[in-house]
């Protein structure tokens, strides 16, 4: 079954926003990831399996938030990627407008700033290194923590655009193995990692400390894992710089 982006309202999700004391900032600074890696891939693209393999290595790193968005525009080649969703393709198109790039797979976007061919190991590692050491690094403290019934997002203070940055909650499944029986990758068995199942904007961050809570059931029903991205947007609402991020690799 094709997985679609959740579009529930904050009230329906039970989200609560409260002021967040500044004392937590030092404690989570050391855990801040160095980069967010977003891979746009497809089971129907012959160039994607090497990128999927490289991405699996990145998904194992504790210093990265790695998210794989399966897109649907290669389905016409004879194999429907059932991990794909049109919303993932839309996010890639939005990045294309901001970055001035054509849509292609496999594509990796780092911190919302730079894109590289997802199968080019040297280019990917160079982008990760250069981004983490520049002004494009993740500079906003973000923490995800699990309570008995709820998940809490905590965001520290920092500089934000006047319009604020979107707080994007991304649900994902940690792994899935696909036996591809048709199309360009016919006969291959590929293991996929950190597959995005849905994402939604759950708040706006204006540079002040912020705390949001939402039910654990929202995560469990959409893959069991989640990440939060604090991401700026352009005047048209397209995603731009990622300012901070965190993830929970398992929710019990």
C-alpha atoms as a PDB file:
ATOM      1  CA  UNK A   1       0.000   0.000   0.000  1.00  0.00           C
ATOM      2  CA  UNK A   2       1.342   3.426  -0.914  1.00  0.00           C
ATOM      3  CA  UNK A   3       2.182   5.464   2.143  1.00  0.00           C
ATOM      4  CA  UNK A   4       0.984   9.049   2.072  1.00  0.00           C
ATOM      5  CA  UNK A   5       2.017  12.093   4.055  1.00  0.00           C
ATOM      6  CA  UNK A   6       0.043  12.617   7.239  1.00  0.00           C
ATOM      7  CA  UNK A   7      -2.029  15.774   7.152  1.00  0.00           C
ATOM      8  CA  UNK A   8      -3.532  15.883  10.606  1.00  0.00           C
ATOM      9  CA  UNK A   9      -3.882  19.185  12.397  1.00  0.00           C
ATOM     10  CA  UNK A  10      -1.858  19.997  15.507  1.00  0.00           C
ATOM     11  CA  UNK A  11      -4.987  19.822  17.621  1.00  0.00           C
ATOM     12  CA  UNK A  12      -5.937  16.415  16.285  1.00  0.00           C
ATOM     13  CA  UNK A  13      -2.439  15.151  17.039  1.00  0.00           C
ATOM     14  CA  UNK A  14      -2.620  16.497  20.571  1.00  0.00           C
ATOM     15  CA  UNK A  15       0.466  18.688  20.119  1.00  0.00           C
ATOM     16  CA  UNK A  16       1.230  21.106  22.936  1.00  0.00           C
ATOM     17  CA  UNK A  17       3.680  24.012  22.747  1.00  0.00           C
ATOM     18  CA  UNK A  18       5.206  25.444  25.926  1.00  0.00           C
ATOM     19  CA  UNK A  19       8.160  27.613  26.850  1.00  0.00           C
ATOM     20  CA  UNK A  20      11.408  25.654  27.207  1.00  0.00           C
ATOM     21  CA  UNK A  21      14.011  26.505  29.855  1.00  0.00           C
ATOM     22  CA  UNK A  22      17.440  27.263  28.450  1.00  0.00           C
ATOM     23  CA  UNK A  23      19.239  24.897  30.841  1.00  0.00           C
ATOM     24  CA  UNK A  24      19.043  21.894  28.509  1.00  0.00           C
ATOM     25  CA  UNK A  25      21.205  23.453  25.779  1.00  0.00           C
ATOM     26  CA  UNK A  26      24.619  22.424  27.065  1.00  0.00           C
ATOM     27  CA  UNK A  27      23.480  18.869  27.708  1.00  0.00           C
ATOM     28  CA  UNK A  28      22.372  18.247  24.122  1.00  0.00           C
ATOM     29  CA  UNK A  29      25.036  20.223  22.276  1.00  0.00           C
ATOM     30  CA  UNK A  30      27.409  17.262  22.285  1.00  0.00           C
ATOM     31  CA  UNK A  31      24.742  15.053  20.704  1.00  0.00           C
ATOM     32  CA  UNK A  32      24.000  17.484  17.875  1.00  0.00           C
ATOM     33  CA  UNK A  33      24.343  15.711  14.501  1.00  0.00           C
ATOM     34  CA  UNK A  34      26.882  17.055  12.045  1.00  0.00           C
ATOM     35  CA  UNK A  35      24.531  16.855   9.054  1.00  0.00           C
ATOM     36  CA  UNK A  36      21.176  15.787   7.645  1.00  0.00           C
ATOM     37  CA  UNK A  37      21.455  13.520   4.596  1.00  0.00           C
ATOM     38  CA  UNK A  38      18.338  13.213   2.428  1.00  0.00           C
ATOM     39  CA  UNK A  39      18.473  10.596  -0.336  1.00  0.00           C
ATOM     40  CA  UNK A  40      15.960  10.592  -3.181  1.00  0.00           C
ATOM     41  CA  UNK A  41      15.878   7.091  -4.641  1.00  0.00           C
ATOM     42  CA  UNK A  42      13.715   4.549  -6.449  1.00  0.00           C
ATOM     43  CA  UNK A  43      13.516   0.787  -6.798  1.00  0.00           C
ATOM     44  CA  UNK A  44      12.935   1.350 -10.512  1.00  0.00           C
ATOM     45  CA  UNK A  45      16.184   3.242 -11.210  1.00  0.00           C
ATOM     46  CA  UNK A  46      19.217   1.194 -12.256  1.00  0.00           C
ATOM     47  CA  UNK A  47      21.632   3.800 -10.890  1.00  0.00           C
ATOM     48  CA  UNK A  48      20.139   3.739  -7.400  1.00  0.00           C
ATOM     49  CA  UNK A  49      21.350   0.471  -5.781  1.00  0.00           C
ATOM     50  CA  UNK A  50      24.953   1.745  -5.321  1.00  0.00           C
ATOM     51  CA  UNK A  51      23.552   4.895  -3.715  1.00  0.00           C
ATOM     52  CA  UNK A  52      21.278   2.804  -1.485  1.00  0.00           C
ATOM     53  CA  UNK A  53      24.326   0.811  -0.338  1.00  0.00           C
ATOM     54  CA  UNK A  54      26.296   3.965   0.464  1.00  0.00           C
ATOM     55  CA  UNK A  55      23.290   5.442   2.227  1.00  0.00           C
ATOM     56  CA  UNK A  56      23.046   2.316   4.408  1.00  0.00           C
ATOM     57  CA  UNK A  57      26.552   3.087   5.681  1.00  0.00           C
ATOM     58  CA  UNK A  58      25.527   6.655   6.465  1.00  0.00           C
ATOM     59  CA  UNK A  59      22.375   5.461   8.247  1.00  0.00           C
ATOM     60  CA  UNK A  60      24.579   3.515  10.671  1.00  0.00           C
ATOM     61  CA  UNK A  61      26.478   6.642  11.710  1.00  0.00           C
ATOM     62  CA  UNK A  62      25.393   8.238  14.989  1.00  0.00           C
ATOM     63  CA  UNK A  63      26.524  11.710  13.899  1.00  0.00           C
ATOM     64  CA  UNK A  64      24.134  11.900  10.926  1.00  0.00           C
ATOM     65  CA  UNK A  65      20.385  12.094  10.440  1.00  0.00           C
ATOM     66  CA  UNK A  66      19.884  10.012   7.289  1.00  0.00           C
ATOM     67  CA  UNK A  67      16.482   9.923   5.566  1.00  0.00           C
ATOM     68  CA  UNK A  68      15.530   8.127   2.331  1.00  0.00           C
ATOM     69  CA  UNK A  69      12.643   9.473   0.256  1.00  0.00           C
ATOM     70  CA  UNK A  70      11.410   7.039  -2.382  1.00  0.00           C
ATOM     71  CA  UNK A  71      10.045   8.885  -5.412  1.00  0.00           C
ATOM     72  CA  UNK A  72       7.428   7.675  -7.900  1.00  0.00           C
ATOM     73  CA  UNK A  73       8.396   9.064 -11.300  1.00  0.00           C
ATOM     74  CA  UNK A  74      10.307   5.920 -12.374  1.00  0.00           C
ATOM     75  CA  UNK A  75       7.322   3.627 -11.796  1.00  0.00           C
ATOM     76  CA  UNK A  76       6.492   3.716 -15.513  1.00  0.00           C
ATOM     77  CA  UNK A  77       9.592   1.615 -16.282  1.00  0.00           C
ATOM     78  CA  UNK A  78       7.754  -1.532 -15.236  1.00  0.00           C
ATOM     79  CA  UNK A  79       8.199  -1.743 -11.470  1.00  0.00           C
ATOM     80  CA  UNK A  80       6.120   0.223  -8.988  1.00  0.00           C
ATOM     81  CA  UNK A  81       8.116   1.282  -5.946  1.00  0.00           C
ATOM     82  CA  UNK A  82       5.602   0.696  -3.166  1.00  0.00           C
ATOM     83  CA  UNK A  83       7.765   2.651  -0.736  1.00  0.00           C
ATOM     84  CA  UNK A  84       7.283   5.752  -2.879  1.00  0.00           C
ATOM     85  CA  UNK A  85       4.855   8.613  -2.380  1.00  0.00           C
ATOM     86  CA  UNK A  86       4.080  11.676  -4.518  1.00  0.00           C
ATOM     87  CA  UNK A  87       4.845  13.884  -1.520  1.00  0.00           C
ATOM     88  CA  UNK A  88       8.445  12.679  -1.645  1.00  0.00           C
ATOM     89  CA  UNK A  89       8.666  13.662  -5.297  1.00  0.00           C
ATOM     90  CA  UNK A  90       7.166  17.022  -4.395  1.00  0.00           C
ATOM     91  CA  UNK A  91       9.850  17.613  -1.764  1.00  0.00           C
ATOM     92  CA  UNK A  92      12.553  16.799  -4.295  1.00  0.00           C
ATOM     93  CA  UNK A  93      11.000  19.174  -6.826  1.00  0.00           C
ATOM     94  CA  UNK A  94      10.888  21.900  -4.171  1.00  0.00           C
ATOM     95  CA  UNK A  95      14.600  21.397  -3.507  1.00  0.00           C
ATOM     96  CA  UNK A  96      15.221  21.587  -7.249  1.00  0.00           C
ATOM     97  CA  UNK A  97      13.646  25.040  -7.382  1.00  0.00           C
ATOM     98  CA  UNK A  98      15.753  26.289  -4.499  1.00  0.00           C
ATOM     99  CA  UNK A  99      19.038  24.673  -5.563  1.00  0.00           C
ATOM    100  CA  UNK A 100      18.524  25.292  -9.280  1.00  0.00           C
ATOM    101  CA  UNK A 101      19.043  21.634 -10.154  1.00  0.00           C
ATOM    102  CA  UNK A 102      17.212  19.213 -12.386  1.00  0.00           C
ATOM    103  CA  UNK A 103      15.342  16.364 -10.720  1.00  0.00           C
ATOM    104  CA  UNK A 104      17.366  13.149 -10.860  1.00  0.00           C
ATOM    105  CA  UNK A 105      18.030   9.954  -8.941  1.00  0.00           C
ATOM    106  CA  UNK A 106      19.930   9.042  -6.961  1.00  0.00           C
ATOM    107  CA  UNK A 107      20.225  12.513  -5.449  1.00  0.00           C
ATOM    108  CA  UNK A 108      21.502  13.414  -1.987  1.00  0.00           C
ATOM    109  CA  UNK A 109      20.811  16.789  -0.395  1.00  0.00           C
ATOM    110  CA  UNK A 110      22.946  17.757   2.607  1.00  0.00           C
ATOM    111  CA  UNK A 111      21.530  20.186   5.191  1.00  0.00           C
ATOM    112  CA  UNK A 112      19.176  21.587   2.566  1.00  0.00           C
ATOM    113  CA  UNK A 113      22.131  23.443   1.000  1.00  0.00           C
ATOM    114  CA  UNK A 114      23.979  21.276  -1.496  1.00  0.00           C
ATOM    115  CA  UNK A 115      23.113  18.330  -3.719  1.00  0.00           C
ATOM    116  CA  UNK A 116      25.385  15.574  -5.028  1.00  0.00           C
ATOM    117  CA  UNK A 117      24.957  12.334  -6.954  1.00  0.00           C
ATOM    118  CA  UNK A 118      24.014   9.785  -4.320  1.00  0.00           C
ATOM    119  CA  UNK A 119      26.272   7.055  -5.682  1.00  0.00           C
ATOM    120  CA  UNK A 120      29.387   9.269  -5.808  1.00  0.00           C
ATOM    121  CA  UNK A 121      31.095   8.316  -2.536  1.00  0.00           C
ATOM    122  CA  UNK A 122      33.828  10.932  -2.774  1.00  0.00           C
ATOM    123  CA  UNK A 123      31.375  13.732  -3.533  1.00  0.00           C
ATOM    124  CA  UNK A 124      29.016  12.683  -0.747  1.00  0.00           C
ATOM    125  CA  UNK A 125      31.748  12.457   1.882  1.00  0.00           C
ATOM    126  CA  UNK A 126      33.234  15.759   0.742  1.00  0.00           C
ATOM    127  CA  UNK A 127      29.842  17.455   0.999  1.00  0.00           C
ATOM    128  CA  UNK A 128      29.385  16.095   4.522  1.00  0.00           C
ATOM    129  CA  UNK A 129      32.816  17.261   5.580  1.00  0.00           C
ATOM    130  CA  UNK A 130      32.631  20.730   4.056  1.00  0.00           C
ATOM    131  CA  UNK A 131      29.089  21.370   5.265  1.00  0.00           C
ATOM    132  CA  UNK A 132      29.811  20.382   8.859  1.00  0.00           C
ATOM    133  CA  UNK A 133      32.782  22.764   8.984  1.00  0.00           C
ATOM    134  CA  UNK A 134      31.051  25.772   7.448  1.00  0.00           C
ATOM    135  CA  UNK A 135      28.376  28.304   8.262  1.00  0.00           C
ATOM    136  CA  UNK A 136      25.959  25.774   6.760  1.00  0.00           C
ATOM    137  CA  UNK A 137      26.396  23.436   9.739  1.00  0.00           C
ATOM    138  CA  UNK A 138      23.558  22.588  12.102  1.00  0.00           C
ATOM    139  CA  UNK A 139      23.720  25.337  14.721  1.00  0.00           C
ATOM    140  CA  UNK A 140      20.399  25.011  16.543  1.00  0.00           C
ATOM    141  CA  UNK A 141      20.087  22.599  19.457  1.00  0.00           C
ATOM    142  CA  UNK A 142      17.295  20.049  19.010  1.00  0.00           C
ATOM    143  CA  UNK A 143      16.385  17.061  21.152  1.00  0.00           C
ATOM    144  CA  UNK A 144      13.853  14.249  20.791  1.00  0.00           C
ATOM    145  CA  UNK A 145      12.997  12.288  23.919  1.00  0.00           C
ATOM    146  CA  UNK A 146      10.473   9.578  24.741  1.00  0.00           C
ATOM    147  CA  UNK A 147       8.257   9.540  27.810  1.00  0.00           C
ATOM    148  CA  UNK A 148       5.721   6.941  28.879  1.00  0.00           C
ATOM    149  CA  UNK A 149       3.054   8.004  26.384  1.00  0.00           C
ATOM    150  CA  UNK A 150       4.457  11.029  24.520  1.00  0.00           C
ATOM    151  CA  UNK A 151       7.421  12.137  22.469  1.00  0.00           C
ATOM    152  CA  UNK A 152       8.898  15.561  23.212  1.00  0.00           C
ATOM    153  CA  UNK A 153      10.645  17.902  20.766  1.00  0.00           C
ATOM    154  CA  UNK A 154      12.861  20.492  22.463  1.00  0.00           C
ATOM    155  CA  UNK A 155      14.439  23.302  20.444  1.00  0.00           C
ATOM    156  CA  UNK A 156      16.900  25.818  21.862  1.00  0.00           C
ATOM    157  CA  UNK A 157      17.380  29.494  21.135  1.00  0.00           C
ATOM    158  CA  UNK A 158      18.984  30.840  17.993  1.00  0.00           C
ATOM    159  CA  UNK A 159      18.580  33.082  14.973  1.00  0.00           C
ATOM    160  CA  UNK A 160      15.545  32.507  12.777  1.00  0.00           C
ATOM    161  CA  UNK A 161      14.014  34.255   9.805  1.00  0.00           C
ATOM    162  CA  UNK A 162      11.270  36.752  10.563  1.00  0.00           C
ATOM    163  CA  UNK A 163       8.710  34.256   9.228  1.00  0.00           C
ATOM    164  CA  UNK A 164      10.208  31.508  11.367  1.00  0.00           C
ATOM    165  CA  UNK A 165      11.521  28.065  10.499  1.00  0.00           C
ATOM    166  CA  UNK A 166       9.325  25.033   9.990  1.00  0.00           C
ATOM    167  CA  UNK A 167       9.488  22.240  12.563  1.00  0.00           C
ATOM    168  CA  UNK A 168       9.215  19.199  10.322  1.00  0.00           C
ATOM    169  CA  UNK A 169       8.422  15.831  11.856  1.00  0.00           C
ATOM    170  CA  UNK A 170       9.583  12.960   9.644  1.00  0.00           C
ATOM    171  CA  UNK A 171       8.402   9.404  10.279  1.00  0.00           C
ATOM    172  CA  UNK A 172      10.523   6.549   8.962  1.00  0.00           C
ATOM    173  CA  UNK A 173      10.932   2.784   8.974  1.00  0.00           C
ATOM    174  CA  UNK A 174      14.469   1.574   9.766  1.00  0.00           C
ATOM    175  CA  UNK A 175      14.830  -1.068   7.068  1.00  0.00           C
ATOM    176  CA  UNK A 176      13.053  -2.985   4.328  1.00  0.00           C
ATOM    177  CA  UNK A 177      14.296  -5.631   1.911  1.00  0.00           C
ATOM    178  CA  UNK A 178      12.758  -5.658  -1.562  1.00  0.00           C
ATOM    179  CA  UNK A 179      12.923  -8.382  -4.191  1.00  0.00           C
ATOM    180  CA  UNK A 180      12.560  -6.481  -7.441  1.00  0.00           C
ATOM    181  CA  UNK A 181      10.887  -8.595 -10.108  1.00  0.00           C
ATOM    182  CA  UNK A 182      10.626  -6.206 -13.047  1.00  0.00           C
ATOM    183  CA  UNK A 183      12.015  -2.985 -14.470  1.00  0.00           C
ATOM    184  CA  UNK A 184      15.637  -1.865 -14.657  1.00  0.00           C
ATOM    185  CA  UNK A 185      16.609  -3.656 -11.422  1.00  0.00           C
ATOM    186  CA  UNK A 186      14.836  -6.924 -12.220  1.00  0.00           C
ATOM    187  CA  UNK A 187      16.281  -9.834 -10.249  1.00  0.00           C
ATOM    188  CA  UNK A 188      17.979  -7.712  -7.603  1.00  0.00           C
ATOM    189  CA  UNK A 189      17.340  -7.874  -3.879  1.00  0.00           C
ATOM    190  CA  UNK A 190      18.012  -4.523  -2.210  1.00  0.00           C
ATOM    191  CA  UNK A 191      17.982  -3.592   1.460  1.00  0.00           C
ATOM    192  CA  UNK A 192      16.654  -0.103   2.080  1.00  0.00           C
ATOM    193  CA  UNK A 193      17.318   1.942   5.204  1.00  0.00           C
ATOM    194  CA  UNK A 194      15.516   4.768   7.009  1.00  0.00           C
ATOM    195  CA  UNK A 195      12.598   4.838   4.580  1.00  0.00           C
ATOM    196  CA  UNK A 196      10.475   7.952   5.013  1.00  0.00           C
ATOM    197  CA  UNK A 197       6.843   6.937   5.439  1.00  0.00           C
ATOM    198  CA  UNK A 198       5.337  10.384   6.067  1.00  0.00           C
ATOM    199  CA  UNK A 199       6.272  13.894   7.118  1.00  0.00           C
ATOM    200  CA  UNK A 200       4.461  17.003   8.265  1.00  0.00           C
ATOM    201  CA  UNK A 201       5.066  20.465   9.656  1.00  0.00           C
ATOM    202  CA  UNK A 202       4.096  20.444  13.324  1.00  0.00           C
ATOM    203  CA  UNK A 203       5.092  23.961  14.363  1.00  0.00           C
ATOM    204  CA  UNK A 204       7.063  27.110  13.623  1.00  0.00           C
ATOM    205  CA  UNK A 205      10.261  28.118  15.446  1.00  0.00           C
ATOM    206  CA  UNK A 206      10.945  31.839  15.778  1.00  0.00           C
ATOM    207  CA  UNK A 207      14.312  31.646  17.507  1.00  0.00           C
ATOM    208  CA  UNK A 208      12.935  31.231  21.024  1.00  0.00           C
ATOM    209  CA  UNK A 209      13.141  28.040  23.081  1.00  0.00           C
ATOM    210  CA  UNK A 210      10.270  25.738  22.206  1.00  0.00           C
ATOM    211  CA  UNK A 211       8.849  22.429  23.378  1.00  0.00           C
ATOM    212  CA  UNK A 212       6.284  20.296  21.533  1.00  0.00           C
ATOM    213  CA  UNK A 213       4.730  17.010  22.625  1.00  0.00           C
ATOM    214  CA  UNK A 214       2.829  14.422  20.629  1.00  0.00           C
ATOM    215  CA  UNK A 215       1.614  10.848  21.187  1.00  0.00           C
ATOM    216  CA  UNK A 216       3.937   7.886  20.751  1.00  0.00           C
ATOM    217  CA  UNK A 217       1.212   6.155  18.785  1.00  0.00           C
ATOM    218  CA  UNK A 218       1.813   8.563  15.905  1.00  0.00           C
ATOM    219  CA  UNK A 219       5.367   7.220  15.559  1.00  0.00           C
ATOM    220  CA  UNK A 220       4.573   3.540  16.072  1.00  0.00           C
ATOM    221  CA  UNK A 221       1.942   3.564  13.341  1.00  0.00           C
ATOM    222  CA  UNK A 222       4.288   5.129  10.784  1.00  0.00           C
ATOM    223  CA  UNK A 223       7.411   3.009  10.926  1.00  0.00           C
ATOM    224  CA  UNK A 224       8.550   3.190  14.556  1.00  0.00           C
ATOM    225  CA  UNK A 225      11.242   5.865  14.135  1.00  0.00           C
ATOM    226  CA  UNK A 226      11.213   9.622  13.690  1.00  0.00           C
ATOM    227  CA  UNK A 227      13.382  12.647  13.076  1.00  0.00           C
ATOM    228  CA  UNK A 228      12.725  16.348  13.528  1.00  0.00           C
ATOM    229  CA  UNK A 229      14.168  18.995  11.212  1.00  0.00           C
ATOM    230  CA  UNK A 230      14.162  22.704  11.962  1.00  0.00           C
ATOM    231  CA  UNK A 231      14.204  24.068   8.424  1.00  0.00           C
ATOM    232  CA  UNK A 232      13.967  27.518   6.905  1.00  0.00           C
ATOM    233  CA  UNK A 233      11.776  28.136   3.871  1.00  0.00           C
ATOM    234  CA  UNK A 234      11.845  30.624   1.013  1.00  0.00           C
ATOM    235  CA  UNK A 235       9.018  33.036   0.221  1.00  0.00           C
ATOM    236  CA  UNK A 236       7.208  30.297  -1.690  1.00  0.00           C
ATOM    237  CA  UNK A 237       7.456  27.843   1.183  1.00  0.00           C
ATOM    238  CA  UNK A 238      10.142  25.689  -0.435  1.00  0.00           C
ATOM    239  CA  UNK A 239      12.632  24.031   1.958  1.00  0.00           C
ATOM    240  CA  UNK A 240      16.007  25.717   2.323  1.00  0.00           C
ATOM    241  CA  UNK A 241      18.608  25.582   5.105  1.00  0.00           C
ATOM    242  CA  UNK A 242      18.250  22.966   7.813  1.00  0.00           C
ATOM    243  CA  UNK A 243      19.200  24.697  11.064  1.00  0.00           C
ATOM    244  CA  UNK A 244      18.997  21.788  13.494  1.00  0.00           C
ATOM    245  CA  UNK A 245      17.908  18.160  13.706  1.00  0.00           C
ATOM    246  CA  UNK A 246      17.510  15.144  15.949  1.00  0.00           C
ATOM    247  CA  UNK A 247      16.172  11.614  15.670  1.00  0.00           C
ATOM    248  CA  UNK A 248      14.811   8.675  17.626  1.00  0.00           C
ATOM    249  CA  UNK A 249      15.935   5.432  16.009  1.00  0.00           C
ATOM    250  CA  UNK A 250      13.367   3.384  17.903  1.00  0.00           C
ATOM    251  CA  UNK A 251      10.213   4.125  19.860  1.00  0.00           C
ATOM    252  CA  UNK A 252       8.974   1.482  22.283  1.00  0.00           C
END
